[in-house]
Amino acid sequence: MSDRSTSSGHSLHSKGPVVDLGISSKPKSCKKAANWSAEDTTTLLEFLLEELPKIGDGNFKRSTWTAAASLISTKHKITKGGG
């Protein structure tokens, strides 16, 4: 790149001014990752395998995921905060 192109205030695609939205300067906050036991994972996969013949468009429906969450929460101890 030449010095002219790196100091330009215009986008090469739109040929308009470059606007800094400041999006990347804000820190992101994320929830702690879930801790899944091998038993939790097995329960989920077995449930989804049973539900597999019911999917029509290649994706599980929201109701399937809700039922899976309910099954796991009743079968296994849920701990908050990844611990």
PDB file of N, CA and C in Angstrom:
ATOM      1  N   MET A   1       0.835  -1.181   0.000  1.00  0.00           N
ATOM      2  CA  MET A   1       0.000   0.000   0.000  1.00  0.00           C
ATOM      3  C   MET A   1       0.875   1.237   0.000  1.00  0.00           C
ATOM      4  N   SER A   2       0.424   2.220  -0.645  1.00  0.00           N
ATOM      5  CA  SER A   2       1.165   3.480  -0.641  1.00  0.00           C
ATOM      6  C   SER A   2       0.762   4.305   0.570  1.00  0.00           C
ATOM      7  N   ASP A   3       1.568   5.321   0.874  1.00  0.00           N
ATOM      8  CA  ASP A   3       1.247   6.198   2.002  1.00  0.00           C
ATOM      9  C   ASP A   3      -0.060   6.939   1.775  1.00  0.00           C
ATOM     10  N   ARG A   4      -0.384   7.208   0.529  1.00  0.00           N
ATOM     11  CA  ARG A   4      -1.637   7.915   0.222  1.00  0.00           C
ATOM     12  C   ARG A   4      -2.856   7.092   0.613  1.00  0.00           C
ATOM     13  N   SER A   5      -2.822   5.769   0.337  1.00  0.00           N
ATOM     14  CA  SER A   5      -4.010   4.955   0.601  1.00  0.00           C
ATOM     15  C   SER A   5      -4.192   4.665   2.079  1.00  0.00           C
ATOM     16  N   THR A   6      -3.119   4.574   2.832  1.00  0.00           N
ATOM     17  CA  THR A   6      -3.275   4.283   4.260  1.00  0.00           C
ATOM     18  C   THR A   6      -3.734   5.486   5.053  1.00  0.00           C
ATOM     19  N   SER A   7      -3.489   6.681   4.560  1.00  0.00           N
ATOM     20  CA  SER A   7      -3.901   7.869   5.294  1.00  0.00           C
ATOM     21  C   SER A   7      -5.195   8.456   4.768  1.00  0.00           C
ATOM     22  N   SER A   8      -5.834   7.762   3.844  1.00  0.00           N
ATOM     23  CA  SER A   8      -7.059   8.267   3.245  1.00  0.00           C
ATOM     24  C   SER A   8      -8.207   8.224   4.232  1.00  0.00           C
ATOM     25  N   GLY A   9      -9.091   9.184   4.151  1.00  0.00           N
ATOM     26  CA  GLY A   9     -10.275   9.214   4.993  1.00  0.00           C
ATOM     27  C   GLY A   9     -11.500   8.710   4.264  1.00  0.00           C
ATOM     28  N   HIS A  10     -11.294   8.023   3.145  1.00  0.00           N
ATOM     29  CA  HIS A  10     -12.406   7.517   2.347  1.00  0.00           C
ATOM     30  C   HIS A  10     -12.323   6.008   2.208  1.00  0.00           C
ATOM     31  N   SER A  11     -13.461   5.367   2.154  1.00  0.00           N
ATOM     32  CA  SER A  11     -13.542   3.937   1.916  1.00  0.00           C
ATOM     33  C   SER A  11     -13.256   3.662   0.447  1.00  0.00           C
ATOM     34  N   LEU A  12     -12.529   2.604   0.166  1.00  0.00           N
ATOM     35  CA  LEU A  12     -12.231   2.249  -1.220  1.00  0.00           C
ATOM     36  C   LEU A  12     -13.462   1.675  -1.933  1.00  0.00           C
ATOM     37  N   HIS A  13     -14.391   1.133  -1.190  1.00  0.00           N
ATOM     38  CA  HIS A  13     -15.571   0.524  -1.796  1.00  0.00           C
ATOM     39  C   HIS A  13     -16.677   1.539  -2.066  1.00  0.00           C
ATOM     40  N   SER A  14     -16.983   2.363  -1.107  1.00  0.00           N
ATOM     41  CA  SER A  14     -18.107   3.279  -1.263  1.00  0.00           C
ATOM     42  C   SER A  14     -17.697   4.640  -1.801  1.00  0.00           C
ATOM     43  N   LYS A  15     -16.423   4.922  -1.728  1.00  0.00           N
ATOM     44  CA  LYS A  15     -15.888   6.219  -2.138  1.00  0.00           C
ATOM     45  C   LYS A  15     -16.492   7.356  -1.324  1.00  0.00           C
ATOM     46  N   GLY A  16     -16.977   7.016  -0.144  1.00  0.00           N
ATOM     47  CA  GLY A  16     -17.510   8.018   0.772  1.00  0.00           C
ATOM     48  C   GLY A  16     -16.618   8.106   1.985  1.00  0.00           C
ATOM     49  N   PRO A  17     -16.899   9.010   2.914  1.00  0.00           N
ATOM     50  CA  PRO A  17     -16.066   9.152   4.103  1.00  0.00           C
ATOM     51  C   PRO A  17     -16.166   7.931   5.016  1.00  0.00           C
ATOM     52  N   VAL A  18     -15.102   7.608   5.704  1.00  0.00           N
ATOM     53  CA  VAL A  18     -15.074   6.510   6.655  1.00  0.00           C
ATOM     54  C   VAL A  18     -15.617   7.028   7.977  1.00  0.00           C
ATOM     55  N   VAL A  19     -16.613   6.340   8.513  1.00  0.00           N
ATOM     56  CA  VAL A  19     -17.240   6.756   9.761  1.00  0.00           C
ATOM     57  C   VAL A  19     -16.850   5.773  10.852  1.00  0.00           C
ATOM     58  N   ASP A  20     -16.227   6.252  11.908  1.00  0.00           N
ATOM     59  CA  ASP A  20     -15.858   5.414  13.037  1.00  0.00           C
ATOM     60  C   ASP A  20     -17.041   5.359  13.993  1.00  0.00           C
ATOM     61  N   LEU A  21     -17.648   4.182  14.124  1.00  0.00           N
ATOM     62  CA  LEU A  21     -18.810   4.020  14.985  1.00  0.00           C
ATOM     63  C   LEU A  21     -18.425   3.764  16.439  1.00  0.00           C
ATOM     64  N   GLY A  22     -17.152   3.495  16.682  1.00  0.00           N
ATOM     65  CA  GLY A  22     -16.695   3.255  18.049  1.00  0.00           C
ATOM     66  C   GLY A  22     -17.212   1.958  18.632  1.00  0.00           C
ATOM     67  N   ILE A  23     -17.654   1.050  17.797  1.00  0.00           N
ATOM     68  CA  ILE A  23     -18.232  -0.205  18.282  1.00  0.00           C
ATOM     69  C   ILE A  23     -17.183  -1.060  18.964  1.00  0.00           C
ATOM     70  N   SER A  24     -16.000  -1.145  18.406  1.00  0.00           N
ATOM     71  CA  SER A  24     -14.979  -2.036  18.947  1.00  0.00           C
ATOM     72  C   SER A  24     -14.375  -1.522  20.246  1.00  0.00           C
ATOM     73  N   SER A  25     -14.625  -0.280  20.615  1.00  0.00           N
ATOM     74  CA  SER A  25     -14.022   0.262  21.829  1.00  0.00           C
ATOM     75  C   SER A  25     -14.790  -0.115  23.098  1.00  0.00           C
ATOM     76  N   LYS A  26     -15.997  -0.636  22.956  1.00  0.00           N
ATOM     77  CA  LYS A  26     -16.782  -1.021  24.124  1.00  0.00           C
ATOM     78  C   LYS A  26     -16.434  -2.441  24.540  1.00  0.00           C
ATOM     79  N   PRO A  27     -16.171  -2.664  25.828  1.00  0.00           N
ATOM     80  CA  PRO A  27     -15.867  -4.027  26.278  1.00  0.00           C
ATOM     81  C   PRO A  27     -17.134  -4.891  26.229  1.00  0.00           C
ATOM     82  N   LYS A  28     -16.958  -6.134  25.857  1.00  0.00           N
ATOM     83  CA  LYS A  28     -18.085  -7.061  25.813  1.00  0.00           C
ATOM     84  C   LYS A  28     -18.194  -7.789  27.150  1.00  0.00           C
ATOM     85  N   SER A  29     -19.431  -8.016  27.572  1.00  0.00           N
ATOM     86  CA  SER A  29     -19.637  -8.810  28.777  1.00  0.00           C
ATOM     87  C   SER A  29     -20.308 -10.110  28.356  1.00  0.00           C
ATOM     88  N   CYS A  30     -19.788 -11.195  28.836  1.00  0.00           N
ATOM     89  CA  CYS A  30     -20.300 -12.514  28.478  1.00  0.00           C
ATOM     90  C   CYS A  30     -20.666 -13.277  29.733  1.00  0.00           C
ATOM     91  N   LYS A  31     -21.628 -14.165  29.582  1.00  0.00           N
ATOM     92  CA  LYS A  31     -21.970 -15.057  30.679  1.00  0.00           C
ATOM     93  C   LYS A  31     -20.851 -16.082  30.826  1.00  0.00           C
ATOM     94  N   LYS A  32     -20.733 -16.630  32.011  1.00  0.00           N
ATOM     95  CA  LYS A  32     -19.757 -17.692  32.221  1.00  0.00           C
ATOM     96  C   LYS A  32     -20.191 -18.922  31.424  1.00  0.00           C
ATOM     97  N   ALA A  33     -19.225 -19.653  30.929  1.00  0.00           N
ATOM     98  CA  ALA A  33     -19.507 -20.862  30.152  1.00  0.00           C
ATOM     99  C   ALA A  33     -20.145 -21.920  31.052  1.00  0.00           C
ATOM    100  N   ALA A  34     -21.035 -22.693  30.464  1.00  0.00           N
ATOM    101  CA  ALA A  34     -21.675 -23.775  31.210  1.00  0.00           C
ATOM    102  C   ALA A  34     -20.696 -24.928  31.381  1.00  0.00           C
ATOM    103  N   ASN A  35     -20.809 -25.618  32.491  1.00  0.00           N
ATOM    104  CA  ASN A  35     -20.005 -26.812  32.742  1.00  0.00           C
ATOM    105  C   ASN A  35     -20.903 -28.017  32.546  1.00  0.00           C
ATOM    106  N   TRP A  36     -20.685 -28.764  31.479  1.00  0.00           N
ATOM    107  CA  TRP A  36     -21.496 -29.939  31.191  1.00  0.00           C
ATOM    108  C   TRP A  36     -20.728 -31.181  31.606  1.00  0.00           C
ATOM    109  N   SER A  37     -21.412 -32.054  32.330  1.00  0.00           N
ATOM    110  CA  SER A  37     -20.806 -33.338  32.672  1.00  0.00           C
ATOM    111  C   SER A  37     -20.991 -34.272  31.476  1.00  0.00           C
ATOM    112  N   ALA A  38     -20.275 -35.369  31.491  1.00  0.00           N
ATOM    113  CA  ALA A  38     -20.429 -36.373  30.427  1.00  0.00           C
ATOM    114  C   ALA A  38     -21.862 -36.917  30.428  1.00  0.00           C
ATOM    115  N   GLU A  39     -22.445 -37.026  31.616  1.00  0.00           N
ATOM    116  CA  GLU A  39     -23.821 -37.520  31.740  1.00  0.00           C
ATOM    117  C   GLU A  39     -24.818 -36.533  31.113  1.00  0.00           C
ATOM    118  N   ASP A  40     -24.604 -35.231  31.322  1.00  0.00           N
ATOM    119  CA  ASP A  40     -25.466 -34.212  30.712  1.00  0.00           C
ATOM    120  C   ASP A  40     -25.397 -34.296  29.186  1.00  0.00           C
ATOM    121  N   THR A  41     -24.183 -34.403  28.672  1.00  0.00           N
ATOM    122  CA  THR A  41     -23.982 -34.473  27.225  1.00  0.00           C
ATOM    123  C   THR A  41     -24.639 -35.715  26.646  1.00  0.00           C
ATOM    124  N   THR A  42     -24.470 -36.840  27.308  1.00  0.00           N
ATOM    125  CA  THR A  42     -25.084 -38.088  26.847  1.00  0.00           C
ATOM    126  C   THR A  42     -26.596 -37.979  26.844  1.00  0.00           C
ATOM    127  N   THR A  43     -27.161 -37.399  27.892  1.00  0.00           N
ATOM    128  CA  THR A  43     -28.616 -37.222  27.974  1.00  0.00           C
ATOM    129  C   THR A  43     -29.123 -36.381  26.806  1.00  0.00           C
ATOM    130  N   LEU A  44     -28.453 -35.284  26.533  1.00  0.00           N
ATOM    131  CA  LEU A  44     -28.857 -34.413  25.430  1.00  0.00           C
ATOM    132  C   LEU A  44     -28.770 -35.137  24.097  1.00  0.00           C
ATOM    133  N   LEU A  45     -27.656 -35.796  23.842  1.00  0.00           N
ATOM    134  CA  LEU A  45     -27.480 -36.470  22.546  1.00  0.00           C
ATOM    135  C   LEU A  45     -28.471 -37.606  22.354  1.00  0.00           C
ATOM    136  N   GLU A  46     -28.736 -38.377  23.411  1.00  0.00           N
ATOM    137  CA  GLU A  46     -29.718 -39.453  23.307  1.00  0.00           C
ATOM    138  C   GLU A  46     -31.109 -38.896  23.018  1.00  0.00           C
ATOM    139  N   PHE A  47     -31.453 -37.806  23.682  1.00  0.00           N
ATOM    140  CA  PHE A  47     -32.751 -37.170  23.451  1.00  0.00           C
ATOM    141  C   PHE A  47     -32.862 -36.689  22.007  1.00  0.00           C
ATOM    142  N   LEU A  48     -31.823 -36.012  21.527  1.00  0.00           N
ATOM    143  CA  LEU A  48     -31.850 -35.487  20.156  1.00  0.00           C
ATOM    144  C   LEU A  48     -31.893 -36.601  19.120  1.00  0.00           C
ATOM    145  N   LEU A  49     -31.239 -37.715  19.401  1.00  0.00           N
ATOM    146  CA  LEU A  49     -31.310 -38.855  18.487  1.00  0.00           C
ATOM    147  C   LEU A  49     -32.731 -39.404  18.389  1.00  0.00           C
ATOM    148  N   GLU A  50     -33.438 -39.421  19.522  1.00  0.00           N
ATOM    149  CA  GLU A  50     -34.840 -39.864  19.521  1.00  0.00           C
ATOM    150  C   GLU A  50     -35.724 -38.901  18.728  1.00  0.00           C
ATOM    151  N   GLU A  51     -35.403 -37.619  18.773  1.00  0.00           N
ATOM    152  CA  GLU A  51     -36.193 -36.589  18.102  1.00  0.00           C
ATOM    153  C   GLU A  51     -35.826 -36.428  16.620  1.00  0.00           C
ATOM    154  N   LEU A  52     -34.721 -37.000  16.209  1.00  0.00           N
ATOM    155  CA  LEU A  52     -34.216 -36.820  14.849  1.00  0.00           C
ATOM    156  C   LEU A  52     -35.231 -37.135  13.753  1.00  0.00           C
ATOM    157  N   PRO A  53     -36.021 -38.221  13.858  1.00  0.00           N
ATOM    158  CA  PRO A  53     -36.999 -38.497  12.790  1.00  0.00           C
ATOM    159  C   PRO A  53     -38.098 -37.435  12.666  1.00  0.00           C
ATOM    160  N   LYS A  54     -38.263 -36.594  13.676  1.00  0.00           N
ATOM    161  CA  LYS A  54     -39.335 -35.604  13.671  1.00  0.00           C
ATOM    162  C   LYS A  54     -38.968 -34.303  12.971  1.00  0.00           C
ATOM    163  N   ILE A  55     -37.679 -34.086  12.683  1.00  0.00           N
ATOM    164  CA  ILE A  55     -37.300 -32.818  12.056  1.00  0.00           C
ATOM    165  C   ILE A  55     -37.656 -32.863  10.579  1.00  0.00           C
ATOM    166  N   GLY A  56     -38.214 -31.782  10.090  1.00  0.00           N
ATOM    167  CA  GLY A  56     -38.648 -31.736   8.697  1.00  0.00           C
ATOM    168  C   GLY A  56     -37.704 -30.955   7.804  1.00  0.00           C
ATOM    169  N   ASP A  57     -37.232 -29.806   8.273  1.00  0.00           N
ATOM    170  CA  ASP A  57     -36.424 -28.941   7.425  1.00  0.00           C
ATOM    171  C   ASP A  57     -34.933 -29.037   7.731  1.00  0.00           C
ATOM    172  N   GLY A  58     -34.525 -30.034   8.508  1.00  0.00           N
ATOM    173  CA  GLY A  58     -33.120 -30.191   8.833  1.00  0.00           C
ATOM    174  C   GLY A  58     -32.701 -29.542  10.130  1.00  0.00           C
ATOM    175  N   ASN A  59     -33.623 -28.914  10.829  1.00  0.00           N
ATOM    176  CA  ASN A  59     -33.310 -28.250  12.098  1.00  0.00           C
ATOM    177  C   ASN A  59     -34.301 -28.678  13.169  1.00  0.00           C
ATOM    178  N   PHE A  60     -33.817 -28.730  14.395  1.00  0.00           N
ATOM    179  CA  PHE A  60     -34.729 -29.018  15.497  1.00  0.00           C
ATOM    180  C   PHE A  60     -35.563 -27.771  15.781  1.00  0.00           C
ATOM    181  N   LYS A  61     -36.801 -27.998  16.123  1.00  0.00           N
ATOM    182  CA  LYS A  61     -37.714 -26.902  16.444  1.00  0.00           C
ATOM    183  C   LYS A  61     -37.406 -26.375  17.854  1.00  0.00           C
ATOM    184  N   ARG A  62     -37.874 -25.164  18.125  1.00  0.00           N
ATOM    185  CA  ARG A  62     -37.686 -24.563  19.446  1.00  0.00           C
ATOM    186  C   ARG A  62     -38.273 -25.465  20.538  1.00  0.00           C
ATOM    187  N   SER A  63     -39.404 -26.088  20.257  1.00  0.00           N
ATOM    188  CA  SER A  63     -40.039 -26.954  21.259  1.00  0.00           C
ATOM    189  C   SER A  63     -39.151 -28.155  21.609  1.00  0.00           C
ATOM    190  N   THR A  64     -38.361 -28.635  20.661  1.00  0.00           N
ATOM    191  CA  THR A  64     -37.441 -29.744  20.927  1.00  0.00           C
ATOM    192  C   THR A  64     -36.354 -29.304  21.895  1.00  0.00           C
ATOM    193  N   TRP A  65     -35.796 -28.108  21.665  1.00  0.00           N
ATOM    194  CA  TRP A  65     -34.752 -27.601  22.556  1.00  0.00           C
ATOM    195  C   TRP A  65     -35.304 -27.308  23.951  1.00  0.00           C
ATOM    196  N   THR A  66     -36.544 -26.824  24.014  1.00  0.00           N
ATOM    197  CA  THR A  66     -37.181 -26.560  25.306  1.00  0.00           C
ATOM    198  C   THR A  66     -37.383 -27.864  26.069  1.00  0.00           C
ATOM    199  N   ALA A  67     -37.838 -28.886  25.363  1.00  0.00           N
ATOM    200  CA  ALA A  67     -38.043 -30.194  25.995  1.00  0.00           C
ATOM    201  C   ALA A  67     -36.706 -30.788  26.449  1.00  0.00           C
ATOM    202  N   ALA A  68     -35.656 -30.600  25.662  1.00  0.00           N
ATOM    203  CA  ALA A  68     -34.330 -31.099  26.037  1.00  0.00           C
ATOM    204  C   ALA A  68     -33.834 -30.404  27.298  1.00  0.00           C
ATOM    205  N   ALA A  69     -34.005 -29.098  27.361  1.00  0.00           N
ATOM    206  CA  ALA A  69     -33.587 -28.338  28.544  1.00  0.00           C
ATOM    207  C   ALA A  69     -34.354 -28.787  29.779  1.00  0.00           C
ATOM    208  N   SER A  70     -35.635 -29.027  29.608  1.00  0.00           N
ATOM    209  CA  SER A  70     -36.466 -29.478  30.719  1.00  0.00           C
ATOM    210  C   SER A  70     -36.014 -30.855  31.200  1.00  0.00           C
ATOM    211  N   LEU A  71     -35.735 -31.745  30.265  1.00  0.00           N
ATOM    212  CA  LEU A  71     -35.280 -33.087  30.615  1.00  0.00           C
ATOM    213  C   LEU A  71     -33.966 -33.040  31.389  1.00  0.00           C
ATOM    214  N   ILE A  72     -33.037 -32.269  30.899  1.00  0.00           N
ATOM    215  CA  ILE A  72     -31.729 -32.180  31.552  1.00  0.00           C
ATOM    216  C   ILE A  72     -31.850 -31.545  32.937  1.00  0.00           C
ATOM    217  N   SER A  73     -32.678 -30.509  33.052  1.00  0.00           N
ATOM    218  CA  SER A  73     -32.811 -29.839  34.351  1.00  0.00           C
ATOM    219  C   SER A  73     -33.486 -30.727  35.396  1.00  0.00           C
ATOM    220  N   THR A  74     -34.364 -31.630  34.970  1.00  0.00           N
ATOM    221  CA  THR A  74     -35.025 -32.515  35.937  1.00  0.00           C
ATOM    222  C   THR A  74     -34.149 -33.730  36.249  1.00  0.00           C
ATOM    223  N   LYS A  75     -33.300 -34.123  35.311  1.00  0.00           N
ATOM    224  CA  LYS A  75     -32.493 -35.314  35.491  1.00  0.00           C
ATOM    225  C   LYS A  75     -31.171 -35.034  36.192  1.00  0.00           C
ATOM    226  N   HIS A  76     -30.645 -33.831  36.038  1.00  0.00           N
ATOM    227  CA  HIS A  76     -29.314 -33.516  36.535  1.00  0.00           C
ATOM    228  C   HIS A  76     -29.325 -32.225  37.345  1.00  0.00           C
ATOM    229  N   LYS A  77     -28.375 -32.123  38.250  1.00  0.00           N
ATOM    230  CA  LYS A  77     -28.248 -30.923  39.059  1.00  0.00           C
ATOM    231  C   LYS A  77     -27.678 -29.795  38.207  1.00  0.00           C
ATOM    232  N   ILE A  78     -28.370 -28.669  38.183  1.00  0.00           N
ATOM    233  CA  ILE A  78     -27.898 -27.490  37.445  1.00  0.00           C
ATOM    234  C   ILE A  78     -27.197 -26.570  38.425  1.00  0.00           C
ATOM    235  N   THR A  79     -25.972 -26.184  38.086  1.00  0.00           N
ATOM    236  CA  THR A  79     -25.249 -25.233  38.918  1.00  0.00           C
ATOM    237  C   THR A  79     -25.034 -23.964  38.137  1.00  0.00           C
ATOM    238  N   LYS A  80     -25.284 -22.840  38.754  1.00  0.00           N
ATOM    239  CA  LYS A  80     -25.111 -21.549  38.070  1.00  0.00           C
ATOM    240  C   LYS A  80     -23.667 -21.102  38.151  1.00  0.00           C
ATOM    241  N   GLY A  81     -23.285 -20.303  37.156  1.00  0.00           N
ATOM    242  CA  GLY A  81     -21.952 -19.719  37.151  1.00  0.00           C
ATOM    243  C   GLY A  81     -20.854 -20.664  36.729  1.00  0.00           C
ATOM    244  N   GLY A  82     -21.208 -21.724  36.000  1.00  0.00           N
ATOM    245  CA  GLY A  82     -20.201 -22.613  35.469  1.00  0.00           C
ATOM    246  C   GLY A  82     -19.507 -23.479  36.512  1.00  0.00           C
ATOM    247  N   GLY A  83     -20.033 -23.553  37.703  1.00  0.00           N
ATOM    248  CA  GLY A  83     -19.353 -24.327  38.727  1.00  0.00           C
ATOM    249  C   GLY A  83     -20.224 -25.348  39.291  1.00  0.00           C
TER     250      GLY A  83
END
